[in-house]
Amino acid sequence: YGSTVDVHDPWVRPEEAKAEYGIDLVDGPEAAAYDAILIAVG
């Protein structure tokens, strides 16, 4: 849809996320930066 999507997961090694799915994880999400927040994993 054209949205810029940041993914944050403290349990995952960034290199593994990149290798498996081409996703660059963000280490620490910016404060007051996002239009929507989706809690995908508990």
PDB file of all heavy atoms in Angstrom:
ATOM      1  N   TYR A   1       0.818  -1.210   0.000  1.00  0.00           N
ATOM      2  CA  TYR A   1       0.000   0.000   0.000  1.00  0.00           C
ATOM      3  C   TYR A   1       0.857   1.267   0.000  1.00  0.00           C
ATOM      4  O   TYR A   1       0.322   2.369  -0.016  1.00  0.00           O
ATOM      5  CB  TYR A   1      -0.931   0.027   1.214  1.00  0.00           C
ATOM      6  CG  TYR A   1      -2.132  -0.874   1.093  1.00  0.00           C
ATOM      7  CD1 TYR A   1      -2.077  -2.195   1.516  1.00  0.00           C
ATOM      8  CD2 TYR A   1      -3.329  -0.413   0.555  1.00  0.00           C
ATOM      9  CE1 TYR A   1      -3.180  -3.030   1.414  1.00  0.00           C
ATOM     10  CE2 TYR A   1      -4.438  -1.236   0.449  1.00  0.00           C
ATOM     11  CZ  TYR A   1      -4.354  -2.541   0.880  1.00  0.00           C
ATOM     12  OH  TYR A   1      -5.463  -3.372   0.779  1.00  0.00           O
ATOM     13  N   GLY A   2       2.155   1.096   0.063  1.00  0.00           N
ATOM     14  CA  GLY A   2       3.055   2.238   0.057  1.00  0.00           C
ATOM     15  C   GLY A   2       3.545   2.658   1.422  1.00  0.00           C
ATOM     16  O   GLY A   2       4.326   3.616   1.536  1.00  0.00           O
ATOM     17  N   SER A   3       3.111   1.976   2.473  1.00  0.00           N
ATOM     18  CA  SER A   3       3.534   2.320   3.826  1.00  0.00           C
ATOM     19  C   SER A   3       5.005   1.958   4.036  1.00  0.00           C
ATOM     20  O   SER A   3       5.501   0.960   3.498  1.00  0.00           O
ATOM     21  CB  SER A   3       2.674   1.591   4.861  1.00  0.00           C
ATOM     22  OG  SER A   3       1.313   1.947   4.757  1.00  0.00           O
ATOM     23  N   THR A   4       5.688   2.777   4.823  1.00  0.00           N
ATOM     24  CA  THR A   4       7.044   2.457   5.266  1.00  0.00           C
ATOM     25  C   THR A   4       6.936   1.647   6.549  1.00  0.00           C
ATOM     26  O   THR A   4       6.391   2.128   7.549  1.00  0.00           O
ATOM     27  CB  THR A   4       7.862   3.730   5.508  1.00  0.00           C
ATOM     28  OG1 THR A   4       7.940   4.474   4.286  1.00  0.00           O
ATOM     29  CG2 THR A   4       9.263   3.391   5.993  1.00  0.00           C
ATOM     30  N   VAL A   5       7.433   0.415   6.519  1.00  0.00           N
ATOM     31  CA  VAL A   5       7.235  -0.500   7.638  1.00  0.00           C
ATOM     32  C   VAL A   5       8.564  -0.766   8.339  1.00  0.00           C
ATOM     33  O   VAL A   5       9.526  -1.228   7.715  1.00  0.00           O
ATOM     34  CB  VAL A   5       6.621  -1.835   7.165  1.00  0.00           C
ATOM     35  CG1 VAL A   5       6.320  -2.728   8.372  1.00  0.00           C
ATOM     36  CG2 VAL A   5       5.359  -1.589   6.350  1.00  0.00           C
ATOM     37  N   ASP A   6       8.620  -0.477   9.629  1.00  0.00           N
ATOM     38  CA  ASP A   6       9.748  -0.836  10.483  1.00  0.00           C
ATOM     39  C   ASP A   6       9.350  -2.042  11.332  1.00  0.00           C
ATOM     40  O   ASP A   6       8.225  -2.099  11.843  1.00  0.00           O
ATOM     41  CB  ASP A   6      10.141   0.320  11.402  1.00  0.00           C
ATOM     42  CG  ASP A   6      10.871   1.430  10.660  1.00  0.00           C
ATOM     43  OD1 ASP A   6      11.248   1.226   9.486  1.00  0.00           O
ATOM     44  OD2 ASP A   6      11.068   2.513  11.260  1.00  0.00           O
ATOM     45  N   VAL A   7      10.266  -2.970  11.478  1.00  0.00           N
ATOM     46  CA  VAL A   7      10.020  -4.161  12.284  1.00  0.00           C
ATOM     47  C   VAL A   7      11.037  -4.205  13.411  1.00  0.00           C
ATOM     48  O   VAL A   7      12.246  -4.067  13.186  1.00  0.00           O
ATOM     49  CB  VAL A   7      10.111  -5.446  11.439  1.00  0.00           C
ATOM     50  CG1 VAL A   7       9.786  -6.667  12.309  1.00  0.00           C
ATOM     51  CG2 VAL A   7       9.180  -5.385  10.235  1.00  0.00           C
ATOM     52  N   HIS A   8      10.527  -4.415  14.620  1.00  0.00           N
ATOM     53  CA  HIS A   8      11.388  -4.497  15.795  1.00  0.00           C
ATOM     54  C   HIS A   8      11.116  -5.804  16.523  1.00  0.00           C
ATOM     55  O   HIS A   8       9.967  -6.130  16.828  1.00  0.00           O
ATOM     56  CB  HIS A   8      11.130  -3.317  16.742  1.00  0.00           C
ATOM     57  CG  HIS A   8      11.822  -3.438  18.069  1.00  0.00           C
ATOM     58  ND1 HIS A   8      13.196  -3.479  18.202  1.00  0.00           N
ATOM     59  CD2 HIS A   8      11.318  -3.555  19.336  1.00  0.00           C
ATOM     60  CE1 HIS A   8      13.515  -3.596  19.481  1.00  0.00           C
ATOM     61  NE2 HIS A   8      12.399  -3.642  20.182  1.00  0.00           N
ATOM     62  N   ASP A   9      12.185  -6.569  16.790  1.00  0.00           N
ATOM     63  CA  ASP A   9      12.044  -7.810  17.550  1.00  0.00           C
ATOM     64  C   ASP A   9      13.312  -8.045  18.360  1.00  0.00           C
ATOM     65  O   ASP A   9      14.363  -8.356  17.796  1.00  0.00           O
ATOM     66  CB  ASP A   9      11.793  -9.011  16.629  1.00  0.00           C
ATOM     67  CG  ASP A   9      11.294 -10.225  17.393  1.00  0.00           C
ATOM     68  OD1 ASP A   9      11.866 -10.522  18.453  1.00  0.00           O
ATOM     69  OD2 ASP A   9      10.327 -10.879  16.945  1.00  0.00           O
ATOM     70  N   PRO A  10      13.241  -7.889  19.685  1.00  0.00           N
ATOM     71  CA  PRO A  10      14.432  -8.036  20.528  1.00  0.00           C
ATOM     72  C   PRO A  10      14.967  -9.450  20.618  1.00  0.00           C
ATOM     73  O   PRO A  10      16.078  -9.663  21.124  1.00  0.00           O
ATOM     74  CB  PRO A  10      13.943  -7.537  21.899  1.00  0.00           C
ATOM     75  CG  PRO A  10      12.459  -7.776  21.884  1.00  0.00           C
ATOM     76  CD  PRO A  10      12.029  -7.546  20.472  1.00  0.00           C
ATOM     77  N   TRP A  11      14.206 -10.443  20.140  1.00  0.00           N
ATOM     78  CA  TRP A  11      14.639 -11.831  20.217  1.00  0.00           C
ATOM     79  C   TRP A  11      15.405 -12.292  18.973  1.00  0.00           C
ATOM     80  O   TRP A  11      16.029 -13.361  19.002  1.00  0.00           O
ATOM     81  CB  TRP A  11      13.427 -12.748  20.412  1.00  0.00           C
ATOM     82  CG  TRP A  11      12.851 -12.681  21.783  1.00  0.00           C
ATOM     83  CD1 TRP A  11      11.949 -11.771  22.248  1.00  0.00           C
ATOM     84  CD2 TRP A  11      13.135 -13.555  22.876  1.00  0.00           C
ATOM     85  NE1 TRP A  11      11.649 -12.031  23.573  1.00  0.00           N
ATOM     86  CE2 TRP A  11      12.359 -13.116  23.972  1.00  0.00           C
ATOM     87  CE3 TRP A  11      13.960 -14.673  23.037  1.00  0.00           C
ATOM     88  CZ2 TRP A  11      12.399 -13.752  25.212  1.00  0.00           C
ATOM     89  CZ3 TRP A  11      13.996 -15.314  24.276  1.00  0.00           C
ATOM     90  CH2 TRP A  11      13.223 -14.852  25.342  1.00  0.00           C
ATOM     91  N   VAL A  12      15.364 -11.533  17.922  1.00  0.00           N
ATOM     92  CA  VAL A  12      15.880 -11.991  16.633  1.00  0.00           C
ATOM     93  C   VAL A  12      17.217 -11.330  16.307  1.00  0.00           C
ATOM     94  O   VAL A  12      17.390 -10.129  16.490  1.00  0.00           O
ATOM     95  CB  VAL A  12      14.868 -11.692  15.508  1.00  0.00           C
ATOM     96  CG1 VAL A  12      15.440 -12.095  14.146  1.00  0.00           C
ATOM     97  CG2 VAL A  12      13.563 -12.430  15.771  1.00  0.00           C
ATOM     98  N   ARG A  13      18.155 -12.147  15.780  1.00  0.00           N
ATOM     99  CA  ARG A  13      19.408 -11.588  15.283  1.00  0.00           C
ATOM    100  C   ARG A  13      19.151 -10.889  13.949  1.00  0.00           C
ATOM    101  O   ARG A  13      18.592 -11.475  13.029  1.00  0.00           O
ATOM    102  CB  ARG A  13      20.446 -12.694  15.103  1.00  0.00           C
ATOM    103  CG  ARG A  13      20.939 -13.313  16.399  1.00  0.00           C
ATOM    104  CD  ARG A  13      21.956 -14.402  16.146  1.00  0.00           C
ATOM    105  NE  ARG A  13      21.383 -15.523  15.404  1.00  0.00           N
ATOM    106  CZ  ARG A  13      22.093 -16.540  14.925  1.00  0.00           C
ATOM    107  NH1 ARG A  13      23.391 -16.575  15.078  1.00  0.00           N
ATOM    108  NH2 ARG A  13      21.484 -17.516  14.259  1.00  0.00           N
ATOM    109  N   PRO A  14      19.555  -9.631  13.826  1.00  0.00           N
ATOM    110  CA  PRO A  14      19.280  -8.875  12.599  1.00  0.00           C
ATOM    111  C   PRO A  14      19.762  -9.572  11.334  1.00  0.00           C
ATOM    112  O   PRO A  14      19.077  -9.549  10.303  1.00  0.00           O
ATOM    113  CB  PRO A  14      20.008  -7.551  12.830  1.00  0.00           C
ATOM    114  CG  PRO A  14      20.054  -7.404  14.324  1.00  0.00           C
ATOM    115  CD  PRO A  14      20.221  -8.797  14.843  1.00  0.00           C
ATOM    116  N   GLU A  15      20.917 -10.204  11.402  1.00  0.00           N
ATOM    117  CA  GLU A  15      21.455 -10.864  10.210  1.00  0.00           C
ATOM    118  C   GLU A  15      20.576 -12.039   9.776  1.00  0.00           C
ATOM    119  O   GLU A  15      20.483 -12.345   8.586  1.00  0.00           O
ATOM    120  CB  GLU A  15      22.887 -11.343  10.445  1.00  0.00           C
ATOM    121  CG  GLU A  15      23.080 -12.330  11.578  1.00  0.00           C
ATOM    122  CD  GLU A  15      23.336 -11.694  12.943  1.00  0.00           C
ATOM    123  OE1 GLU A  15      22.983 -10.499  13.120  1.00  0.00           O
ATOM    124  OE2 GLU A  15      23.862 -12.395  13.819  1.00  0.00           O
ATOM    125  N   GLU A  16      19.923 -12.701  10.731  1.00  0.00           N
ATOM    126  CA  GLU A  16      19.044 -13.814  10.381  1.00  0.00           C
ATOM    127  C   GLU A  16      17.769 -13.310   9.714  1.00  0.00           C
ATOM    128  O   GLU A  16      17.307 -13.897   8.735  1.00  0.00           O
ATOM    129  CB  GLU A  16      18.695 -14.626  11.629  1.00  0.00           C
ATOM    130  CG  GLU A  16      17.912 -15.894  11.316  1.00  0.00           C
ATOM    131  CD  GLU A  16      17.644 -16.762  12.525  1.00  0.00           C
ATOM    132  OE1 GLU A  16      18.151 -16.430  13.623  1.00  0.00           O
ATOM    133  OE2 GLU A  16      16.915 -17.773  12.390  1.00  0.00           O
ATOM    134  N   ALA A  17      17.191 -12.230  10.240  1.00  0.00           N
ATOM    135  CA  ALA A  17      15.994 -11.646   9.621  1.00  0.00           C
ATOM    136  C   ALA A  17      16.297 -11.185   8.205  1.00  0.00           C
ATOM    137  O   ALA A  17      15.469 -11.346   7.302  1.00  0.00           O
ATOM    138  CB  ALA A  17      15.489 -10.483  10.471  1.00  0.00           C
ATOM    139  N   LYS A  18      17.473 -10.617   8.008  1.00  0.00           N
ATOM    140  CA  LYS A  18      17.869 -10.155   6.681  1.00  0.00           C
ATOM    141  C   LYS A  18      18.060 -11.324   5.732  1.00  0.00           C
ATOM    142  O   LYS A  18      17.598 -11.299   4.583  1.00  0.00           O
ATOM    143  CB  LYS A  18      19.161  -9.339   6.783  1.00  0.00           C
ATOM    144  CG  LYS A  18      19.643  -8.759   5.457  1.00  0.00           C
ATOM    145  CD  LYS A  18      18.693  -7.692   4.934  1.00  0.00           C
ATOM    146  CE  LYS A  18      19.292  -7.018   3.694  1.00  0.00           C
ATOM    147  NZ  LYS A  18      18.373  -5.972   3.157  1.00  0.00           N
ATOM    148  N   ALA A  19      18.726 -12.362   6.201  1.00  0.00           N
ATOM    149  CA  ALA A  19      19.010 -13.523   5.356  1.00  0.00           C
ATOM    150  C   ALA A  19      17.750 -14.284   4.994  1.00  0.00           C
ATOM    151  O   ALA A  19      17.592 -14.742   3.855  1.00  0.00           O
ATOM    152  CB  ALA A  19      20.011 -14.445   6.053  1.00  0.00           C
ATOM    153  N   GLU A  20      16.834 -14.438   5.956  1.00  0.00           N
ATOM    154  CA  GLU A  20      15.642 -15.252   5.739  1.00  0.00           C
ATOM    155  C   GLU A  20      14.563 -14.512   4.962  1.00  0.00           C
ATOM    156  O   GLU A  20      13.910 -15.084   4.085  1.00  0.00           O
ATOM    157  CB  GLU A  20      15.067 -15.716   7.081  1.00  0.00           C
ATOM    158  CG  GLU A  20      15.881 -16.787   7.771  1.00  0.00           C
ATOM    159  CD  GLU A  20      15.892 -18.106   7.042  1.00  0.00           C
ATOM    160  OE1 GLU A  20      14.845 -18.482   6.472  1.00  0.00           O
ATOM    161  OE2 GLU A  20      16.941 -18.755   7.015  1.00  0.00           O
ATOM    162  N   TYR A  21      14.356 -13.234   5.282  1.00  0.00           N
ATOM    163  CA  TYR A  21      13.206 -12.522   4.736  1.00  0.00           C
ATOM    164  C   TYR A  21      13.528 -11.169   4.104  1.00  0.00           C
ATOM    165  O   TYR A  21      12.624 -10.470   3.647  1.00  0.00           O
ATOM    166  CB  TYR A  21      12.142 -12.334   5.824  1.00  0.00           C
ATOM    167  CG  TYR A  21      11.638 -13.641   6.390  1.00  0.00           C
ATOM    168  CD1 TYR A  21      11.990 -14.040   7.681  1.00  0.00           C
ATOM    169  CD2 TYR A  21      10.832 -14.480   5.637  1.00  0.00           C
ATOM    170  CE1 TYR A  21      11.532 -15.245   8.202  1.00  0.00           C
ATOM    171  CE2 TYR A  21      10.375 -15.687   6.146  1.00  0.00           C
ATOM    172  CZ  TYR A  21      10.725 -16.062   7.431  1.00  0.00           C
ATOM    173  OH  TYR A  21      10.275 -17.259   7.946  1.00  0.00           O
ATOM    174  N   GLY A  22      14.804 -10.795   4.103  1.00  0.00           N
ATOM    175  CA  GLY A  22      15.172  -9.505   3.533  1.00  0.00           C
ATOM    176  C   GLY A  22      14.689  -8.325   4.347  1.00  0.00           C
ATOM    177  O   GLY A  22      14.551  -7.214   3.824  1.00  0.00           O
ATOM    178  N   ILE A  23      14.447  -8.537   5.632  1.00  0.00           N
ATOM    179  CA  ILE A  23      13.932  -7.484   6.510  1.00  0.00           C
ATOM    180  C   ILE A  23      15.069  -6.922   7.357  1.00  0.00           C
ATOM    181  O   ILE A  23      15.785  -7.676   8.021  1.00  0.00           O
ATOM    182  CB  ILE A  23      12.802  -8.025   7.410  1.00  0.00           C
ATOM    183  CG1 ILE A  23      11.578  -8.373   6.558  1.00  0.00           C
ATOM    184  CG2 ILE A  23      12.434  -7.010   8.493  1.00  0.00           C
ATOM    185  CD1 ILE A  23      10.449  -9.015   7.346  1.00  0.00           C
ATOM    186  N   ASP A  24      15.208  -5.612   7.330  1.00  0.00           N
ATOM    187  CA  ASP A  24      16.187  -4.933   8.179  1.00  0.00           C
ATOM    188  C   ASP A  24      15.501  -4.511   9.478  1.00  0.00           C
ATOM    189  O   ASP A  24      14.699  -3.572   9.490  1.00  0.00           O
ATOM    190  CB  ASP A  24      16.769  -3.709   7.469  1.00  0.00           C
ATOM    191  CG  ASP A  24      17.619  -4.085   6.258  1.00  0.00           C
ATOM    192  OD1 ASP A  24      18.568  -4.866   6.422  1.00  0.00           O
ATOM    193  OD2 ASP A  24      17.315  -3.598   5.148  1.00  0.00           O
ATOM    194  N   LEU A  25      15.801  -5.199  10.554  1.00  0.00           N
ATOM    195  CA  LEU A  25      15.189  -4.878  11.836  1.00  0.00           C
ATOM    196  C   LEU A  25      15.690  -3.533  12.359  1.00  0.00           C
ATOM    197  O   LEU A  25      16.839  -3.152  12.124  1.00  0.00           O
ATOM    198  CB  LEU A  25      15.507  -5.960  12.862  1.00  0.00           C
ATOM    199  CG  LEU A  25      14.942  -7.369  12.610  1.00  0.00           C
ATOM    200  CD1 LEU A  25      15.389  -8.318  13.725  1.00  0.00           C
ATOM    201  CD2 LEU A  25      13.432  -7.339  12.527  1.00  0.00           C
ATOM    202  N   VAL A  26      14.827  -2.825  13.065  1.00  0.00           N
ATOM    203  CA  VAL A  26      15.249  -1.618  13.775  1.00  0.00           C
ATOM    204  C   VAL A  26      15.552  -2.013  15.214  1.00  0.00           C
ATOM    205  O   VAL A  26      14.774  -2.728  15.854  1.00  0.00           O
ATOM    206  CB  VAL A  26      14.187  -0.506  13.713  1.00  0.00           C
ATOM    207  CG1 VAL A  26      13.972  -0.066  12.271  1.00  0.00           C
ATOM    208  CG2 VAL A  26      12.866  -0.952  14.322  1.00  0.00           C
ATOM    209  N   ASP A  27      16.701  -1.570  15.699  1.00  0.00           N
ATOM    210  CA  ASP A  27      17.132  -1.949  17.039  1.00  0.00           C
ATOM    211  C   ASP A  27      16.277  -1.294  18.115  1.00  0.00           C
ATOM    212  O   ASP A  27      15.834  -1.927  19.061  1.00  0.00           O
ATOM    213  CB  ASP A  27      18.606  -1.599  17.226  1.00  0.00           C
ATOM    214  CG  ASP A  27      19.134  -2.067  18.570  1.00  0.00           C
ATOM    215  OD1 ASP A  27      18.783  -3.177  18.992  1.00  0.00           O
ATOM    216  OD2 ASP A  27      19.901  -1.309  19.203  1.00  0.00           O
ATOM    217  N   GLY A  28      16.027  -0.011  17.938  1.00  0.00           N
ATOM    218  CA  GLY A  28      15.196   0.731  18.880  1.00  0.00           C
ATOM    219  C   GLY A  28      14.267   1.660  18.126  1.00  0.00           C
ATOM    220  O   GLY A  28      14.721   2.615  17.484  1.00  0.00           O
ATOM    221  N   PRO A  29      12.966   1.405  18.147  1.00  0.00           N
ATOM    222  CA  PRO A  29      12.018   2.261  17.419  1.00  0.00           C
ATOM    223  C   PRO A  29      12.081   3.708  17.892  1.00  0.00           C
ATOM    224  O   PRO A  29      12.286   3.979  19.082  1.00  0.00           O
ATOM    225  CB  PRO A  29      10.662   1.632  17.747  1.00  0.00           C
ATOM    226  CG  PRO A  29      10.960   0.228  18.176  1.00  0.00           C
ATOM    227  CD  PRO A  29      12.294   0.288  18.828  1.00  0.00           C
ATOM    228  N   GLU A  30      11.900   4.643  16.965  1.00  0.00           N
ATOM    229  CA  GLU A  30      11.884   6.054  17.308  1.00  0.00           C
ATOM    230  C   GLU A  30      10.658   6.407  18.140  1.00  0.00           C
ATOM    231  O   GLU A  30       9.583   5.823  17.964  1.00  0.00           O
ATOM    232  CB  GLU A  30      11.882   6.900  16.038  1.00  0.00           C
ATOM    233  CG  GLU A  30      13.126   6.796  15.185  1.00  0.00           C
ATOM    234  CD  GLU A  30      13.014   7.674  13.960  1.00  0.00           C
ATOM    235  OE1 GLU A  30      12.604   8.845  14.120  1.00  0.00           O
ATOM    236  OE2 GLU A  30      13.309   7.206  12.844  1.00  0.00           O
ATOM    237  N   ALA A  31      10.813   7.338  19.013  1.00  0.00           N
ATOM    238  CA  ALA A  31       9.681   7.828  19.792  1.00  0.00           C
ATOM    239  C   ALA A  31       8.865   8.804  18.958  1.00  0.00           C
ATOM    240  O   ALA A  31       9.407   9.571  18.157  1.00  0.00           O
ATOM    241  CB  ALA A  31      10.169   8.504  21.074  1.00  0.00           C
ATOM    242  N   ALA A  32       7.552   8.733  19.112  1.00  0.00           N
ATOM    243  CA  ALA A  32       6.615   9.661  18.478  1.00  0.00           C
ATOM    244  C   ALA A  32       6.800   9.745  16.966  1.00  0.00           C
ATOM    245  O   ALA A  32       6.661  10.817  16.360  1.00  0.00           O
ATOM    246  CB  ALA A  32       6.749  11.047  19.107  1.00  0.00           C
ATOM    247  N   ALA A  33       7.101   8.599  16.323  1.00  0.00           N
ATOM    248  CA  ALA A  33       7.450   8.608  14.904  1.00  0.00           C
ATOM    249  C   ALA A  33       6.447   7.895  14.005  1.00  0.00           C
ATOM    250  O   ALA A  33       6.458   8.101  12.797  1.00  0.00           O
ATOM    251  CB  ALA A  33       8.825   7.977  14.705  1.00  0.00           C
ATOM    252  N   TYR A  34       5.559   7.095  14.569  1.00  0.00           N
ATOM    253  CA  TYR A  34       4.774   6.183  13.746  1.00  0.00           C
ATOM    254  C   TYR A  34       3.295   6.558  13.702  1.00  0.00           C
ATOM    255  O   TYR A  34       2.711   6.997  14.698  1.00  0.00           O
ATOM    256  CB  TYR A  34       4.939   4.752  14.245  1.00  0.00           C
ATOM    257  CG  TYR A  34       6.375   4.269  14.124  1.00  0.00           C
ATOM    258  CD1 TYR A  34       7.243   4.331  15.209  1.00  0.00           C
ATOM    259  CD2 TYR A  34       6.853   3.785  12.920  1.00  0.00           C
ATOM    260  CE1 TYR A  34       8.562   3.917  15.102  1.00  0.00           C
ATOM    261  CE2 TYR A  34       8.175   3.356  12.799  1.00  0.00           C
ATOM    262  CZ  TYR A  34       9.020   3.437  13.883  1.00  0.00           C
ATOM    263  OH  TYR A  34      10.323   3.027  13.765  1.00  0.00           O
ATOM    264  N   ASP A  35       2.721   6.324  12.517  1.00  0.00           N
ATOM    265  CA  ASP A  35       1.291   6.570  12.325  1.00  0.00           C
ATOM    266  C   ASP A  35       0.441   5.394  12.806  1.00  0.00           C
ATOM    267  O   ASP A  35      -0.732   5.560  13.145  1.00  0.00           O
ATOM    268  CB  ASP A  35       1.003   6.825  10.843  1.00  0.00           C
ATOM    269  CG  ASP A  35       1.734   8.041  10.310  1.00  0.00           C
ATOM    270  OD1 ASP A  35       1.304   9.169  10.633  1.00  0.00           O
ATOM    271  OD2 ASP A  35       2.735   7.870   9.586  1.00  0.00           O
ATOM    272  N   ALA A  36       1.030   4.221  12.809  1.00  0.00           N
ATOM    273  CA  ALA A  36       0.325   3.025  13.276  1.00  0.00           C
ATOM    274  C   ALA A  36       1.337   2.079  13.895  1.00  0.00           C
ATOM    275  O   ALA A  36       2.475   1.973  13.434  1.00  0.00           O
ATOM    276  CB  ALA A  36      -0.427   2.343  12.134  1.00  0.00           C
ATOM    277  N   ILE A  37       0.900   1.391  14.943  1.00  0.00           N
ATOM    278  CA  ILE A  37       1.731   0.404  15.631  1.00  0.00           C
ATOM    279  C   ILE A  37       0.948  -0.895  15.690  1.00  0.00           C
ATOM    280  O   ILE A  37      -0.199  -0.920  16.133  1.00  0.00           O
ATOM    281  CB  ILE A  37       2.094   0.871  17.054  1.00  0.00           C
ATOM    282  CG1 ILE A  37       2.831   2.210  17.003  1.00  0.00           C
ATOM    283  CG2 ILE A  37       2.936  -0.178  17.767  1.00  0.00           C
ATOM    284  CD1 ILE A  37       2.903   2.899  18.346  1.00  0.00           C
ATOM    285  N   LEU A  38       1.574  -1.969  15.241  1.00  0.00           N
ATOM    286  CA  LEU A  38       0.918  -3.264  15.202  1.00  0.00           C
ATOM    287  C   LEU A  38       1.670  -4.237  16.106  1.00  0.00           C
ATOM    288  O   LEU A  38       2.849  -4.502  15.875  1.00  0.00           O
ATOM    289  CB  LEU A  38       0.877  -3.769  13.758  1.00  0.00           C
ATOM    290  CG  LEU A  38      -0.094  -4.882  13.418  1.00  0.00           C
ATOM    291  CD1 LEU A  38      -0.466  -4.816  11.950  1.00  0.00           C
ATOM    292  CD2 LEU A  38       0.551  -6.237  13.708  1.00  0.00           C
ATOM    293  N   ILE A  39       1.010  -4.736  17.134  1.00  0.00           N
ATOM    294  CA  ILE A  39       1.620  -5.723  18.035  1.00  0.00           C
ATOM    295  C   ILE A  39       1.368  -7.102  17.444  1.00  0.00           C
ATOM    296  O   ILE A  39       0.273  -7.640  17.519  1.00  0.00           O
ATOM    297  CB  ILE A  39       1.038  -5.631  19.457  1.00  0.00           C
ATOM    298  CG1 ILE A  39       1.104  -4.194  19.971  1.00  0.00           C
ATOM    299  CG2 ILE A  39       1.789  -6.565  20.396  1.00  0.00           C
ATOM    300  CD1 ILE A  39       0.337  -3.967  21.269  1.00  0.00           C
ATOM    301  N   ALA A  40       2.419  -7.675  16.818  1.00  0.00           N
ATOM    302  CA  ALA A  40       2.265  -8.928  16.088  1.00  0.00           C
ATOM    303  C   ALA A  40       2.641 -10.158  16.905  1.00  0.00           C
ATOM    304  O   ALA A  40       2.170 -11.256  16.623  1.00  0.00           O
ATOM    305  CB  ALA A  40       3.106  -8.894  14.802  1.00  0.00           C
ATOM    306  N   VAL A  41       3.509  -9.987  17.910  1.00  0.00           N
ATOM    307  CA  VAL A  41       3.987 -11.099  18.725  1.00  0.00           C
ATOM    308  C   VAL A  41       3.957 -10.667  20.187  1.00  0.00           C
ATOM    309  O   VAL A  41       4.341  -9.546  20.515  1.00  0.00           O
ATOM    310  CB  VAL A  41       5.417 -11.524  18.333  1.00  0.00           C
ATOM    311  CG1 VAL A  41       5.836 -12.776  19.105  1.00  0.00           C
ATOM    312  CG2 VAL A  41       5.532 -11.780  16.825  1.00  0.00           C
ATOM    313  N   GLY A  42       3.522 -11.559  21.051  1.00  0.00           N
ATOM    314  CA  GLY A  42       3.359 -11.216  22.460  1.00  0.00           C
ATOM    315  C   GLY A  42       4.599 -11.398  23.295  1.00  0.00           C
ATOM    316  O   GLY A  42       4.525 -11.987  24.385  1.00  0.00           O
TER     317      GLY A  42
END
